[in-house]
N, C-alpha and C. Protein backbone atom coordinates (compact mmCIF):
# COMPACT_ATOMS: atom_id res chain seq x y z
N MET A 1 0.84 -1.19 0.00
CA MET A 1 0.00 0.00 0.00
C MET A 1 0.87 1.25 0.00
N VAL A 2 0.54 2.19 -0.85
CA VAL A 2 1.28 3.44 -0.93
C VAL A 2 1.11 4.25 0.36
N ARG A 3 2.18 4.95 0.76
CA ARG A 3 2.14 5.84 1.92
C ARG A 3 2.78 7.16 1.49
N TYR A 4 1.93 8.12 1.15
CA TYR A 4 2.42 9.35 0.56
C TYR A 4 3.17 10.22 1.57
N GLY A 5 4.22 10.85 1.07
CA GLY A 5 4.98 11.79 1.88
C GLY A 5 5.73 12.76 1.00
N MET A 6 6.46 13.66 1.63
CA MET A 6 7.07 14.77 0.91
C MET A 6 8.48 15.04 1.45
N LEU A 7 9.36 15.42 0.55
CA LEU A 7 10.69 15.91 0.91
C LEU A 7 10.78 17.36 0.48
N ILE A 8 11.20 18.24 1.40
CA ILE A 8 11.40 19.64 1.07
C ILE A 8 12.87 19.97 1.33
N GLU A 9 13.58 20.31 0.28
CA GLU A 9 14.99 20.65 0.39
C GLU A 9 15.12 22.13 0.75
N ALA A 10 14.92 22.41 2.04
CA ALA A 10 14.91 23.80 2.50
C ALA A 10 16.25 24.48 2.29
N ASP A 11 17.33 23.70 2.21
CA ASP A 11 18.64 24.30 2.00
C ASP A 11 18.79 24.84 0.58
N ARG A 12 17.85 24.51 -0.32
CA ARG A 12 17.88 25.05 -1.69
C ARG A 12 16.76 26.04 -1.95
N CYS A 13 15.83 26.20 -1.01
CA CYS A 13 14.67 27.08 -1.22
C CYS A 13 15.13 28.54 -1.21
N ILE A 14 14.63 29.33 -2.18
CA ILE A 14 15.00 30.75 -2.28
C ILE A 14 13.89 31.67 -1.76
N GLY A 15 12.82 31.09 -1.22
CA GLY A 15 11.76 31.91 -0.65
C GLY A 15 10.94 32.68 -1.67
N CYS A 16 10.74 32.12 -2.85
CA CYS A 16 10.00 32.83 -3.91
C CYS A 16 8.49 32.85 -3.68
N ASP A 17 7.99 31.99 -2.77
CA ASP A 17 6.57 31.91 -2.41
C ASP A 17 5.67 31.37 -3.53
N ILE A 18 6.26 30.82 -4.59
CA ILE A 18 5.42 30.31 -5.68
C ILE A 18 4.60 29.11 -5.22
N CYS A 19 5.13 28.30 -4.33
CA CYS A 19 4.36 27.16 -3.81
C CYS A 19 3.13 27.67 -3.06
N LEU A 20 3.32 28.73 -2.28
CA LEU A 20 2.23 29.33 -1.53
C LEU A 20 1.15 29.87 -2.48
N LYS A 21 1.59 30.57 -3.52
CA LYS A 21 0.66 31.17 -4.47
C LYS A 21 -0.07 30.10 -5.29
N ALA A 22 0.63 29.02 -5.63
CA ALA A 22 0.00 27.93 -6.37
C ALA A 22 -1.08 27.27 -5.53
N CYS A 23 -0.81 27.13 -4.23
CA CYS A 23 -1.79 26.56 -3.30
C CYS A 23 -3.04 27.42 -3.27
N LYS A 24 -2.85 28.73 -3.16
CA LYS A 24 -4.00 29.63 -3.13
C LYS A 24 -4.78 29.59 -4.44
N ASP A 25 -4.05 29.53 -5.55
CA ASP A 25 -4.71 29.45 -6.85
C ASP A 25 -5.58 28.20 -6.96
N GLU A 26 -5.12 27.12 -6.35
CA GLU A 26 -5.85 25.85 -6.42
C GLU A 26 -7.07 25.83 -5.50
N PHE A 27 -6.98 26.46 -4.34
CA PHE A 27 -8.00 26.25 -3.32
C PHE A 27 -8.89 27.46 -3.02
N VAL A 28 -8.43 28.68 -3.26
CA VAL A 28 -9.27 29.84 -2.96
C VAL A 28 -10.45 29.86 -3.94
N GLY A 29 -11.65 29.79 -3.38
CA GLY A 29 -12.85 29.82 -4.20
C GLY A 29 -13.23 28.50 -4.85
N ASN A 30 -12.47 27.45 -4.59
CA ASN A 30 -12.73 26.16 -5.22
C ASN A 30 -13.08 25.10 -4.19
N GLU A 31 -14.15 24.37 -4.45
CA GLU A 31 -14.60 23.29 -3.57
C GLU A 31 -14.18 21.94 -4.16
N TYR A 32 -13.65 21.07 -3.30
CA TYR A 32 -13.27 19.73 -3.73
C TYR A 32 -13.85 18.70 -2.77
N PRO A 33 -15.18 18.56 -2.76
CA PRO A 33 -15.80 17.57 -1.87
C PRO A 33 -15.41 16.16 -2.28
N PRO A 34 -15.27 15.25 -1.33
CA PRO A 34 -15.48 15.43 0.12
C PRO A 34 -14.21 15.80 0.88
N HIS A 35 -13.18 16.28 0.15
CA HIS A 35 -11.88 16.50 0.79
C HIS A 35 -11.72 17.88 1.39
N SER A 36 -12.26 18.90 0.75
CA SER A 36 -12.04 20.26 1.24
C SER A 36 -13.09 21.23 0.72
N ALA A 37 -13.40 22.21 1.56
CA ALA A 37 -14.19 23.37 1.14
C ALA A 37 -13.23 24.44 0.66
N SER A 38 -13.76 25.49 0.06
CA SER A 38 -12.90 26.53 -0.49
C SER A 38 -12.13 27.25 0.60
N GLN A 39 -10.92 27.64 0.26
CA GLN A 39 -10.08 28.41 1.18
C GLN A 39 -10.52 29.87 1.14
N PRO A 40 -10.57 30.55 2.29
CA PRO A 40 -10.98 31.95 2.30
C PRO A 40 -10.05 32.83 1.45
N GLU A 41 -10.62 33.86 0.87
CA GLU A 41 -9.83 34.78 0.05
C GLU A 41 -9.04 35.74 0.93
N PRO A 42 -7.88 36.20 0.43
CA PRO A 42 -7.16 37.25 1.15
C PRO A 42 -7.98 38.54 1.17
N SER A 43 -7.70 39.44 2.13
CA SER A 43 -8.39 40.71 2.23
C SER A 43 -7.37 41.84 2.14
N TYR A 44 -7.80 42.93 1.55
CA TYR A 44 -6.93 44.09 1.39
C TYR A 44 -7.69 45.35 1.81
N GLY A 45 -6.95 46.36 2.27
CA GLY A 45 -7.60 47.61 2.62
C GLY A 45 -6.61 48.60 3.17
N PHE A 46 -7.14 49.67 3.77
CA PHE A 46 -6.31 50.70 4.37
C PHE A 46 -6.71 50.89 5.81
N GLY A 47 -5.72 51.19 6.63
CA GLY A 47 -5.96 51.36 8.06
C GLY A 47 -6.80 52.58 8.36
N SER A 48 -7.35 52.62 9.59
CA SER A 48 -8.25 53.70 9.99
C SER A 48 -7.51 54.97 10.35
N ASN A 49 -6.17 54.93 10.32
CA ASN A 49 -5.41 56.11 10.70
C ASN A 49 -5.10 57.01 9.52
N MET A 50 -5.86 56.87 8.43
CA MET A 50 -5.64 57.72 7.28
C MET A 50 -5.94 59.17 7.65
N THR A 51 -5.05 60.08 7.31
CA THR A 51 -5.26 61.51 7.58
C THR A 51 -5.27 62.26 6.26
N PHE A 52 -5.84 63.43 6.27
CA PHE A 52 -5.98 64.21 5.04
C PHE A 52 -5.32 65.57 5.22
N GLY A 53 -4.58 66.00 4.24
CA GLY A 53 -3.96 67.31 4.25
C GLY A 53 -4.55 68.21 3.17
N TRP A 54 -4.02 69.36 3.03
CA TRP A 54 -4.52 70.30 2.01
C TRP A 54 -4.01 69.87 0.64
N PRO A 55 -4.81 69.85 -0.40
CA PRO A 55 -6.25 70.18 -0.38
C PRO A 55 -7.10 68.93 -0.33
N ASN A 56 -7.26 68.37 0.82
CA ASN A 56 -8.09 67.19 1.07
C ASN A 56 -7.63 65.96 0.30
N THR A 57 -6.33 65.76 0.24
CA THR A 57 -5.78 64.55 -0.37
C THR A 57 -5.12 63.73 0.73
N PRO A 58 -5.12 62.41 0.61
CA PRO A 58 -4.51 61.59 1.66
C PRO A 58 -3.04 61.92 1.83
N SER A 59 -2.62 62.22 3.05
CA SER A 59 -1.22 62.48 3.32
C SER A 59 -0.52 61.23 3.83
N THR A 60 -1.21 60.40 4.56
CA THR A 60 -0.66 59.11 5.00
C THR A 60 -1.76 58.07 4.93
N ALA A 61 -1.40 56.89 4.58
CA ALA A 61 -2.35 55.79 4.55
C ALA A 61 -1.60 54.51 4.87
N THR A 62 -2.13 53.73 5.77
CA THR A 62 -1.48 52.48 6.16
C THR A 62 -2.21 51.31 5.49
N PRO A 63 -1.60 50.73 4.45
CA PRO A 63 -2.26 49.58 3.82
C PRO A 63 -2.14 48.35 4.70
N TRP A 64 -3.10 47.45 4.60
CA TRP A 64 -3.00 46.18 5.33
C TRP A 64 -3.47 45.06 4.41
N VAL A 65 -3.00 43.89 4.72
CA VAL A 65 -3.42 42.72 3.97
C VAL A 65 -3.57 41.56 4.94
N SER A 66 -4.66 40.83 4.80
CA SER A 66 -4.84 39.59 5.54
C SER A 66 -4.70 38.45 4.54
N HIS A 67 -3.66 37.66 4.69
CA HIS A 67 -3.38 36.60 3.71
C HIS A 67 -4.37 35.45 3.80
N GLY A 68 -5.23 35.47 4.83
CA GLY A 68 -6.15 34.36 4.99
C GLY A 68 -5.39 33.11 5.42
N HIS A 69 -5.78 31.97 4.89
CA HIS A 69 -5.12 30.72 5.22
C HIS A 69 -3.83 30.57 4.43
N LEU A 70 -2.84 29.98 5.06
CA LEU A 70 -1.59 29.64 4.38
C LEU A 70 -1.38 28.14 4.53
N TRP A 71 -2.14 27.36 3.74
CA TRP A 71 -2.03 25.91 3.83
C TRP A 71 -0.62 25.46 3.47
N MET A 72 0.03 26.21 2.61
CA MET A 72 1.47 26.10 2.40
C MET A 72 2.05 27.46 2.77
N ASP A 73 2.81 27.49 3.84
CA ASP A 73 3.45 28.73 4.29
C ASP A 73 4.94 28.62 4.06
N VAL A 74 5.61 29.75 3.97
CA VAL A 74 7.07 29.75 3.83
C VAL A 74 7.64 30.56 4.98
N HIS A 75 8.24 29.87 5.94
CA HIS A 75 8.81 30.52 7.11
C HIS A 75 10.23 31.01 6.81
N GLU A 76 10.52 32.23 7.20
CA GLU A 76 11.86 32.78 7.04
C GLU A 76 12.59 32.71 8.38
N ARG A 77 13.73 32.06 8.37
CA ARG A 77 14.51 31.91 9.59
C ARG A 77 15.89 32.51 9.39
N THR A 78 16.31 33.34 10.32
CA THR A 78 17.61 33.99 10.21
C THR A 78 18.47 33.65 11.41
N LYS A 79 19.77 33.66 11.19
CA LYS A 79 20.70 33.51 12.30
C LYS A 79 21.94 34.35 12.01
N GLY A 80 22.64 34.68 13.05
CA GLY A 80 23.79 35.53 12.91
C GLY A 80 23.46 36.98 13.18
N THR A 81 24.45 37.84 13.09
CA THR A 81 24.26 39.28 13.29
C THR A 81 24.84 40.03 12.11
N TYR A 82 24.29 41.19 11.86
CA TYR A 82 24.75 42.01 10.74
C TYR A 82 26.24 42.29 10.86
N PRO A 83 27.01 42.18 9.78
CA PRO A 83 26.58 41.92 8.40
C PRO A 83 26.61 40.44 8.02
N ASP A 84 26.89 39.57 8.97
CA ASP A 84 26.97 38.13 8.67
C ASP A 84 25.67 37.45 9.08
N ILE A 85 24.69 37.54 8.21
CA ILE A 85 23.37 36.98 8.48
C ILE A 85 23.07 35.88 7.47
N GLU A 86 22.60 34.76 7.97
CA GLU A 86 22.18 33.65 7.09
C GLU A 86 20.67 33.54 7.14
N VAL A 87 20.05 33.52 5.97
CA VAL A 87 18.60 33.42 5.85
C VAL A 87 18.25 32.06 5.27
N ARG A 88 17.26 31.42 5.87
CA ARG A 88 16.82 30.10 5.41
C ARG A 88 15.30 30.13 5.27
N TYR A 89 14.79 29.59 4.19
CA TYR A 89 13.36 29.56 3.94
C TYR A 89 12.85 28.12 4.09
N VAL A 90 11.78 27.98 4.85
CA VAL A 90 11.25 26.65 5.16
C VAL A 90 9.78 26.56 4.76
N PRO A 91 9.46 25.98 3.61
CA PRO A 91 8.06 25.76 3.24
C PRO A 91 7.38 24.80 4.23
N MET A 92 6.16 25.14 4.63
CA MET A 92 5.48 24.38 5.68
C MET A 92 4.05 24.02 5.27
N PRO A 93 3.83 22.80 4.77
CA PRO A 93 2.46 22.32 4.57
C PRO A 93 2.01 21.59 5.83
N CYS A 94 0.85 20.96 5.78
CA CYS A 94 0.47 19.99 6.82
C CYS A 94 1.48 18.86 6.79
N MET A 95 1.82 18.34 7.95
CA MET A 95 2.82 17.27 8.04
C MET A 95 2.23 15.88 7.80
N HIS A 96 0.91 15.77 7.70
CA HIS A 96 0.23 14.50 7.45
C HIS A 96 0.82 13.38 8.32
N CYS A 97 0.77 13.64 9.61
CA CYS A 97 1.40 12.76 10.60
C CYS A 97 0.80 11.35 10.58
N ASP A 98 1.62 10.37 10.86
CA ASP A 98 1.11 9.00 11.01
C ASP A 98 0.35 8.83 12.33
N ASP A 99 0.64 9.71 13.30
CA ASP A 99 -0.08 9.72 14.57
C ASP A 99 -0.61 11.14 14.80
N PRO A 100 -1.62 11.55 14.04
CA PRO A 100 -2.03 12.96 14.03
C PRO A 100 -2.83 13.39 15.26
N PRO A 101 -2.37 14.42 15.96
CA PRO A 101 -3.12 14.95 17.11
C PRO A 101 -4.50 15.48 16.71
N CYS A 102 -4.62 15.99 15.48
CA CYS A 102 -5.91 16.54 15.04
C CYS A 102 -6.98 15.45 14.98
N LEU A 103 -6.57 14.23 14.60
CA LEU A 103 -7.52 13.12 14.56
C LEU A 103 -8.01 12.80 15.98
N LYS A 104 -7.09 12.80 16.93
CA LYS A 104 -7.45 12.51 18.32
C LYS A 104 -8.35 13.58 18.91
N ALA A 105 -8.17 14.83 18.45
CA ALA A 105 -8.95 15.94 18.99
C ALA A 105 -10.35 16.02 18.41
N SER A 106 -10.57 15.37 17.28
CA SER A 106 -11.86 15.48 16.59
C SER A 106 -12.87 14.47 17.11
N THR A 107 -14.11 14.68 16.76
CA THR A 107 -15.18 13.74 17.10
C THR A 107 -15.95 13.37 15.84
N ASN A 108 -16.69 12.28 15.92
CA ASN A 108 -17.59 11.85 14.84
C ASN A 108 -16.87 11.63 13.50
N GLY A 109 -15.60 11.23 13.57
CA GLY A 109 -14.88 10.95 12.33
C GLY A 109 -14.61 12.17 11.48
N ALA A 110 -14.58 13.36 12.10
CA ALA A 110 -14.38 14.59 11.34
C ALA A 110 -12.98 14.67 10.73
N VAL A 111 -12.01 14.05 11.41
CA VAL A 111 -10.65 13.96 10.86
C VAL A 111 -10.31 12.48 10.73
N TYR A 112 -9.79 12.11 9.58
CA TYR A 112 -9.45 10.70 9.37
C TYR A 112 -8.19 10.58 8.52
N LYS A 113 -7.53 9.45 8.67
CA LYS A 113 -6.33 9.17 7.88
C LYS A 113 -6.68 8.11 6.84
N ARG A 114 -6.46 8.45 5.58
CA ARG A 114 -6.75 7.52 4.50
C ARG A 114 -5.75 6.37 4.49
N PRO A 115 -6.06 5.28 3.80
CA PRO A 115 -5.11 4.17 3.70
C PRO A 115 -3.76 4.57 3.11
N ASP A 116 -3.73 5.64 2.29
CA ASP A 116 -2.47 6.10 1.72
C ASP A 116 -1.73 7.08 2.63
N GLY A 117 -2.26 7.28 3.85
CA GLY A 117 -1.58 8.11 4.84
C GLY A 117 -1.96 9.57 4.85
N ILE A 118 -2.74 10.02 3.88
CA ILE A 118 -3.13 11.43 3.82
C ILE A 118 -4.19 11.71 4.88
N VAL A 119 -3.98 12.77 5.66
CA VAL A 119 -4.92 13.14 6.72
C VAL A 119 -5.89 14.18 6.18
N ILE A 120 -7.17 13.89 6.31
CA ILE A 120 -8.22 14.74 5.76
C ILE A 120 -9.14 15.24 6.88
N ILE A 121 -9.50 16.53 6.80
CA ILE A 121 -10.53 17.09 7.67
C ILE A 121 -11.81 17.19 6.86
N ASP A 122 -12.82 16.44 7.24
CA ASP A 122 -14.08 16.43 6.51
C ASP A 122 -14.75 17.80 6.66
N PRO A 123 -15.02 18.49 5.54
CA PRO A 123 -15.57 19.85 5.63
C PRO A 123 -17.00 19.92 6.14
N GLU A 124 -17.68 18.80 6.21
CA GLU A 124 -19.04 18.78 6.75
C GLU A 124 -19.05 18.34 8.22
N LYS A 125 -18.39 17.24 8.50
CA LYS A 125 -18.41 16.69 9.86
C LYS A 125 -17.63 17.56 10.85
N SER A 126 -16.70 18.37 10.35
CA SER A 126 -15.84 19.14 11.25
C SER A 126 -16.44 20.49 11.67
N ARG A 127 -17.64 20.78 11.23
CA ARG A 127 -18.24 22.08 11.54
C ARG A 127 -18.31 22.30 13.05
N ASN A 128 -17.83 23.47 13.48
CA ASN A 128 -17.82 23.91 14.88
C ASN A 128 -16.81 23.17 15.76
N GLN A 129 -16.00 22.31 15.18
CA GLN A 129 -14.98 21.60 15.96
C GLN A 129 -13.69 22.44 16.01
N THR A 130 -13.78 23.56 16.70
CA THR A 130 -12.66 24.48 16.75
C THR A 130 -11.45 23.90 17.50
N GLN A 131 -11.68 22.88 18.31
CA GLN A 131 -10.57 22.27 19.04
C GLN A 131 -9.57 21.62 18.09
N VAL A 132 -10.01 21.27 16.91
CA VAL A 132 -9.11 20.66 15.93
C VAL A 132 -8.05 21.68 15.50
N THR A 133 -8.45 22.93 15.36
CA THR A 133 -7.52 23.98 14.94
C THR A 133 -6.37 24.12 15.92
N ASP A 134 -6.67 24.00 17.20
CA ASP A 134 -5.66 24.20 18.24
C ASP A 134 -4.81 22.96 18.52
N SER A 135 -5.15 21.84 17.92
CA SER A 135 -4.50 20.57 18.28
C SER A 135 -3.16 20.36 17.60
N CYS A 136 -2.90 21.07 16.50
CA CYS A 136 -1.70 20.81 15.71
C CYS A 136 -0.48 21.49 16.33
N PRO A 137 0.54 20.73 16.74
CA PRO A 137 1.73 21.35 17.34
C PRO A 137 2.55 22.15 16.33
N TYR A 138 2.32 21.91 15.04
CA TYR A 138 3.02 22.65 14.00
C TYR A 138 2.27 23.93 13.59
N GLY A 139 1.06 24.11 14.09
CA GLY A 139 0.27 25.28 13.74
C GLY A 139 -0.16 25.32 12.29
N ARG A 140 -0.46 24.15 11.73
CA ARG A 140 -0.76 24.07 10.31
C ARG A 140 -2.25 23.91 10.01
N ILE A 141 -3.11 24.15 10.97
CA ILE A 141 -4.55 24.07 10.76
C ILE A 141 -5.15 25.44 11.01
N TYR A 142 -6.02 25.87 10.12
CA TYR A 142 -6.63 27.20 10.20
C TYR A 142 -8.13 27.06 10.41
N LEU A 143 -8.72 28.06 11.06
CA LEU A 143 -10.16 28.08 11.24
C LEU A 143 -10.79 28.98 10.19
N ASN A 144 -11.68 28.42 9.42
CA ASN A 144 -12.49 29.21 8.49
C ASN A 144 -13.64 29.78 9.30
N SER A 145 -13.52 31.05 9.70
CA SER A 145 -14.49 31.64 10.62
C SER A 145 -15.85 31.85 9.97
N ALA A 146 -15.90 31.94 8.66
CA ALA A 146 -17.18 32.11 7.97
C ALA A 146 -17.98 30.81 7.98
N LYS A 147 -17.28 29.70 7.78
CA LYS A 147 -17.94 28.39 7.73
C LYS A 147 -17.79 27.61 9.03
N MET A 148 -16.96 28.14 9.94
CA MET A 148 -16.69 27.49 11.22
C MET A 148 -16.21 26.06 11.05
N ILE A 149 -15.22 25.90 10.17
CA ILE A 149 -14.61 24.60 9.98
C ILE A 149 -13.08 24.75 10.01
N PRO A 150 -12.36 23.78 10.57
CA PRO A 150 -10.90 23.78 10.48
C PRO A 150 -10.48 23.30 9.10
N GLN A 151 -9.41 23.89 8.58
CA GLN A 151 -8.96 23.55 7.23
C GLN A 151 -7.43 23.51 7.17
N LYS A 152 -6.91 22.75 6.19
CA LYS A 152 -5.46 22.61 6.03
C LYS A 152 -5.13 22.00 4.67
N CYS A 153 -3.83 21.87 4.42
CA CYS A 153 -3.33 21.20 3.23
C CYS A 153 -3.87 19.77 3.14
N THR A 154 -4.21 19.36 1.93
CA THR A 154 -4.70 17.99 1.70
C THR A 154 -3.75 17.17 0.83
N PHE A 155 -2.54 17.69 0.60
CA PHE A 155 -1.64 17.08 -0.39
C PHE A 155 -2.30 17.07 -1.77
N CYS A 156 -3.27 17.98 -1.98
CA CYS A 156 -4.00 18.04 -3.26
C CYS A 156 -4.51 16.65 -3.66
N VAL A 157 -5.18 16.00 -2.72
CA VAL A 157 -5.62 14.63 -2.96
C VAL A 157 -6.57 14.54 -4.16
N HIS A 158 -7.31 15.60 -4.43
CA HIS A 158 -8.20 15.59 -5.59
C HIS A 158 -7.42 15.51 -6.90
N LEU A 159 -6.19 16.02 -6.90
CA LEU A 159 -5.32 15.90 -8.08
C LEU A 159 -4.63 14.54 -8.13
N LEU A 160 -4.22 14.06 -6.97
CA LEU A 160 -3.58 12.74 -6.91
C LEU A 160 -4.50 11.67 -7.47
N GLU A 161 -5.78 11.79 -7.16
CA GLU A 161 -6.74 10.79 -7.62
C GLU A 161 -6.94 10.84 -9.14
N LYS A 162 -6.46 11.92 -9.76
CA LYS A 162 -6.51 12.04 -11.22
C LYS A 162 -5.17 11.74 -11.87
N GLY A 163 -4.20 11.35 -11.04
CA GLY A 163 -2.88 11.01 -11.57
C GLY A 163 -1.91 12.17 -11.63
N SER A 164 -2.26 13.33 -11.03
CA SER A 164 -1.38 14.49 -11.03
C SER A 164 -0.68 14.64 -9.68
N MET A 165 0.26 15.57 -9.63
CA MET A 165 1.00 15.86 -8.41
C MET A 165 0.36 17.05 -7.68
N PRO A 166 0.66 17.23 -6.38
CA PRO A 166 0.22 18.43 -5.69
C PRO A 166 0.71 19.69 -6.41
N ARG A 167 -0.09 20.76 -6.33
CA ARG A 167 0.25 21.98 -7.06
C ARG A 167 1.60 22.56 -6.64
N CYS A 168 1.92 22.50 -5.35
CA CYS A 168 3.20 23.07 -4.90
C CYS A 168 4.38 22.34 -5.52
N VAL A 169 4.25 21.03 -5.71
CA VAL A 169 5.31 20.23 -6.32
C VAL A 169 5.51 20.64 -7.77
N GLU A 170 4.40 20.77 -8.48
CA GLU A 170 4.46 21.14 -9.90
C GLU A 170 4.97 22.56 -10.10
N ALA A 171 4.63 23.47 -9.16
CA ALA A 171 4.91 24.88 -9.36
C ALA A 171 6.34 25.28 -8.99
N CYS A 172 6.98 24.56 -8.09
CA CYS A 172 8.29 24.98 -7.59
C CYS A 172 9.31 25.06 -8.73
N PRO A 173 9.86 26.25 -8.99
CA PRO A 173 10.77 26.39 -10.14
C PRO A 173 12.11 25.68 -9.96
N LEU A 174 12.53 25.47 -8.71
CA LEU A 174 13.80 24.81 -8.44
C LEU A 174 13.64 23.33 -8.08
N LYS A 175 12.40 22.85 -8.14
CA LYS A 175 12.10 21.45 -7.80
C LYS A 175 12.62 21.10 -6.41
N VAL A 176 12.35 22.01 -5.47
CA VAL A 176 12.74 21.83 -4.09
C VAL A 176 11.88 20.77 -3.39
N ILE A 177 10.64 20.57 -3.90
CA ILE A 177 9.68 19.68 -3.26
C ILE A 177 9.55 18.39 -4.07
N THR A 178 9.74 17.26 -3.42
CA THR A 178 9.58 15.95 -4.05
C THR A 178 8.48 15.20 -3.32
N PHE A 179 7.61 14.55 -4.07
CA PHE A 179 6.45 13.87 -3.49
C PHE A 179 6.37 12.46 -4.01
N GLY A 180 5.91 11.54 -3.15
CA GLY A 180 5.75 10.18 -3.62
C GLY A 180 5.54 9.19 -2.48
N ASP A 181 5.78 7.92 -2.77
CA ASP A 181 5.54 6.82 -1.83
C ASP A 181 6.76 6.63 -0.95
N LEU A 182 6.60 6.93 0.33
CA LEU A 182 7.71 6.79 1.27
C LEU A 182 8.12 5.34 1.47
N ASP A 183 7.19 4.43 1.27
CA ASP A 183 7.47 3.01 1.54
C ASP A 183 8.02 2.26 0.33
N ASP A 184 8.13 2.94 -0.80
CA ASP A 184 8.73 2.32 -1.99
C ASP A 184 10.19 2.75 -2.07
N PRO A 185 11.13 1.85 -1.79
CA PRO A 185 12.54 2.23 -1.78
C PRO A 185 13.05 2.69 -3.13
N ASP A 186 12.30 2.40 -4.19
CA ASP A 186 12.72 2.81 -5.53
C ASP A 186 12.09 4.14 -5.96
N SER A 187 11.22 4.70 -5.11
CA SER A 187 10.62 5.98 -5.46
C SER A 187 11.63 7.10 -5.32
N GLU A 188 11.43 8.19 -6.09
CA GLU A 188 12.36 9.32 -6.04
C GLU A 188 12.43 9.93 -4.66
N VAL A 189 11.26 10.05 -4.01
CA VAL A 189 11.25 10.69 -2.69
C VAL A 189 11.99 9.85 -1.66
N ALA A 190 11.80 8.52 -1.69
CA ALA A 190 12.48 7.65 -0.74
C ALA A 190 13.99 7.66 -0.97
N LYS A 191 14.40 7.64 -2.23
CA LYS A 191 15.83 7.66 -2.54
C LYS A 191 16.48 8.96 -2.07
N LYS A 192 15.80 10.08 -2.31
CA LYS A 192 16.36 11.38 -1.92
C LYS A 192 16.45 11.53 -0.40
N ILE A 193 15.43 11.06 0.30
CA ILE A 193 15.44 11.14 1.76
C ILE A 193 16.63 10.37 2.31
N GLU A 194 16.88 9.20 1.75
CA GLU A 194 18.00 8.38 2.19
C GLU A 194 19.33 9.03 1.82
N GLU A 195 19.43 9.52 0.60
CA GLU A 195 20.68 10.12 0.12
C GLU A 195 21.03 11.39 0.90
N LEU A 196 20.02 12.23 1.16
CA LEU A 196 20.25 13.52 1.79
C LEU A 196 20.16 13.47 3.32
N LYS A 197 19.85 12.29 3.85
CA LYS A 197 19.70 12.12 5.30
C LYS A 197 18.67 13.11 5.87
N ALA A 198 17.58 13.27 5.14
CA ALA A 198 16.53 14.22 5.54
C ALA A 198 15.76 13.71 6.75
N LYS A 199 15.26 14.63 7.54
CA LYS A 199 14.53 14.29 8.76
C LYS A 199 13.27 15.16 8.86
N PRO A 200 12.22 14.67 9.54
CA PRO A 200 11.06 15.51 9.81
C PRO A 200 11.41 16.59 10.83
N LEU A 201 10.61 17.64 10.87
CA LEU A 201 10.77 18.68 11.88
C LEU A 201 10.18 18.21 13.21
N HIS A 202 10.80 18.60 14.28
CA HIS A 202 10.29 18.39 15.63
C HIS A 202 9.83 16.94 15.88
N GLN A 203 10.75 16.04 15.71
CA GLN A 203 10.42 14.63 15.97
C GLN A 203 10.05 14.40 17.43
N GLU A 204 10.44 15.34 18.29
CA GLU A 204 10.10 15.20 19.71
C GLU A 204 8.60 15.29 19.97
N TYR A 205 7.84 15.79 19.00
CA TYR A 205 6.39 15.85 19.17
C TYR A 205 5.76 14.46 19.17
N GLY A 206 6.45 13.48 18.60
CA GLY A 206 5.95 12.12 18.58
C GLY A 206 4.79 11.87 17.64
N THR A 207 4.63 12.73 16.63
CA THR A 207 3.49 12.60 15.71
C THR A 207 3.84 11.80 14.46
N ARG A 208 5.10 11.50 14.26
CA ARG A 208 5.60 10.77 13.09
C ARG A 208 5.16 11.43 11.77
N PRO A 209 5.62 12.65 11.54
CA PRO A 209 5.24 13.38 10.32
C PRO A 209 5.80 12.74 9.06
N LYS A 210 5.12 12.95 7.95
CA LYS A 210 5.53 12.38 6.67
C LYS A 210 6.10 13.45 5.72
N VAL A 211 6.47 14.60 6.27
CA VAL A 211 7.17 15.62 5.50
C VAL A 211 8.59 15.72 6.05
N TYR A 212 9.56 15.52 5.17
CA TYR A 212 10.97 15.49 5.55
C TYR A 212 11.69 16.74 5.03
N TYR A 213 12.75 17.13 5.74
CA TYR A 213 13.48 18.35 5.39
C TYR A 213 14.99 18.10 5.37
N THR A 214 15.66 18.86 4.50
CA THR A 214 17.12 18.90 4.52
C THR A 214 17.56 20.15 5.23
């Protein structure tokens, strides 16, 4: 049986955010039942501290943006002090843990793990189960406040079922993200994980995540 997982070569990521944008393009405004409801749209506007000068034209305006959900986020991590600073970009999807805390926190089968290892939050059964949002130690579950459902990355399971790859994998210009069967030693992802000695993040959480990093 296939067990899907992902390798992210963070040491090669340039922080272009194309994986993030591809995820939004795939899910904002699009429903993929029974796997996911649409992701909320980003919001844009100007702050309330806008002031007006002569002749009644805006003199200052504070723009704001709410990115909404970031089912694929790109964390920027820095170390060192100026002028010797090292920047590292870490793309962060759902970890699709083999022992997912979100499943334990849910009721009525609202969160389940498929035979292929992909963890799904049912967009109907999970309504009002806000405790699921808070259960993820990686902070990768978001609350859709309009629909009152927790939501997250699905590994684009609706595309996998059609024989395609997740959008972030296809979109990455440097091919930083590799996806496939972790249990097939001949798969590209399994070979790369072994070759690069990649490890999951925060193994101390005990969730056995299926996303590996270099």
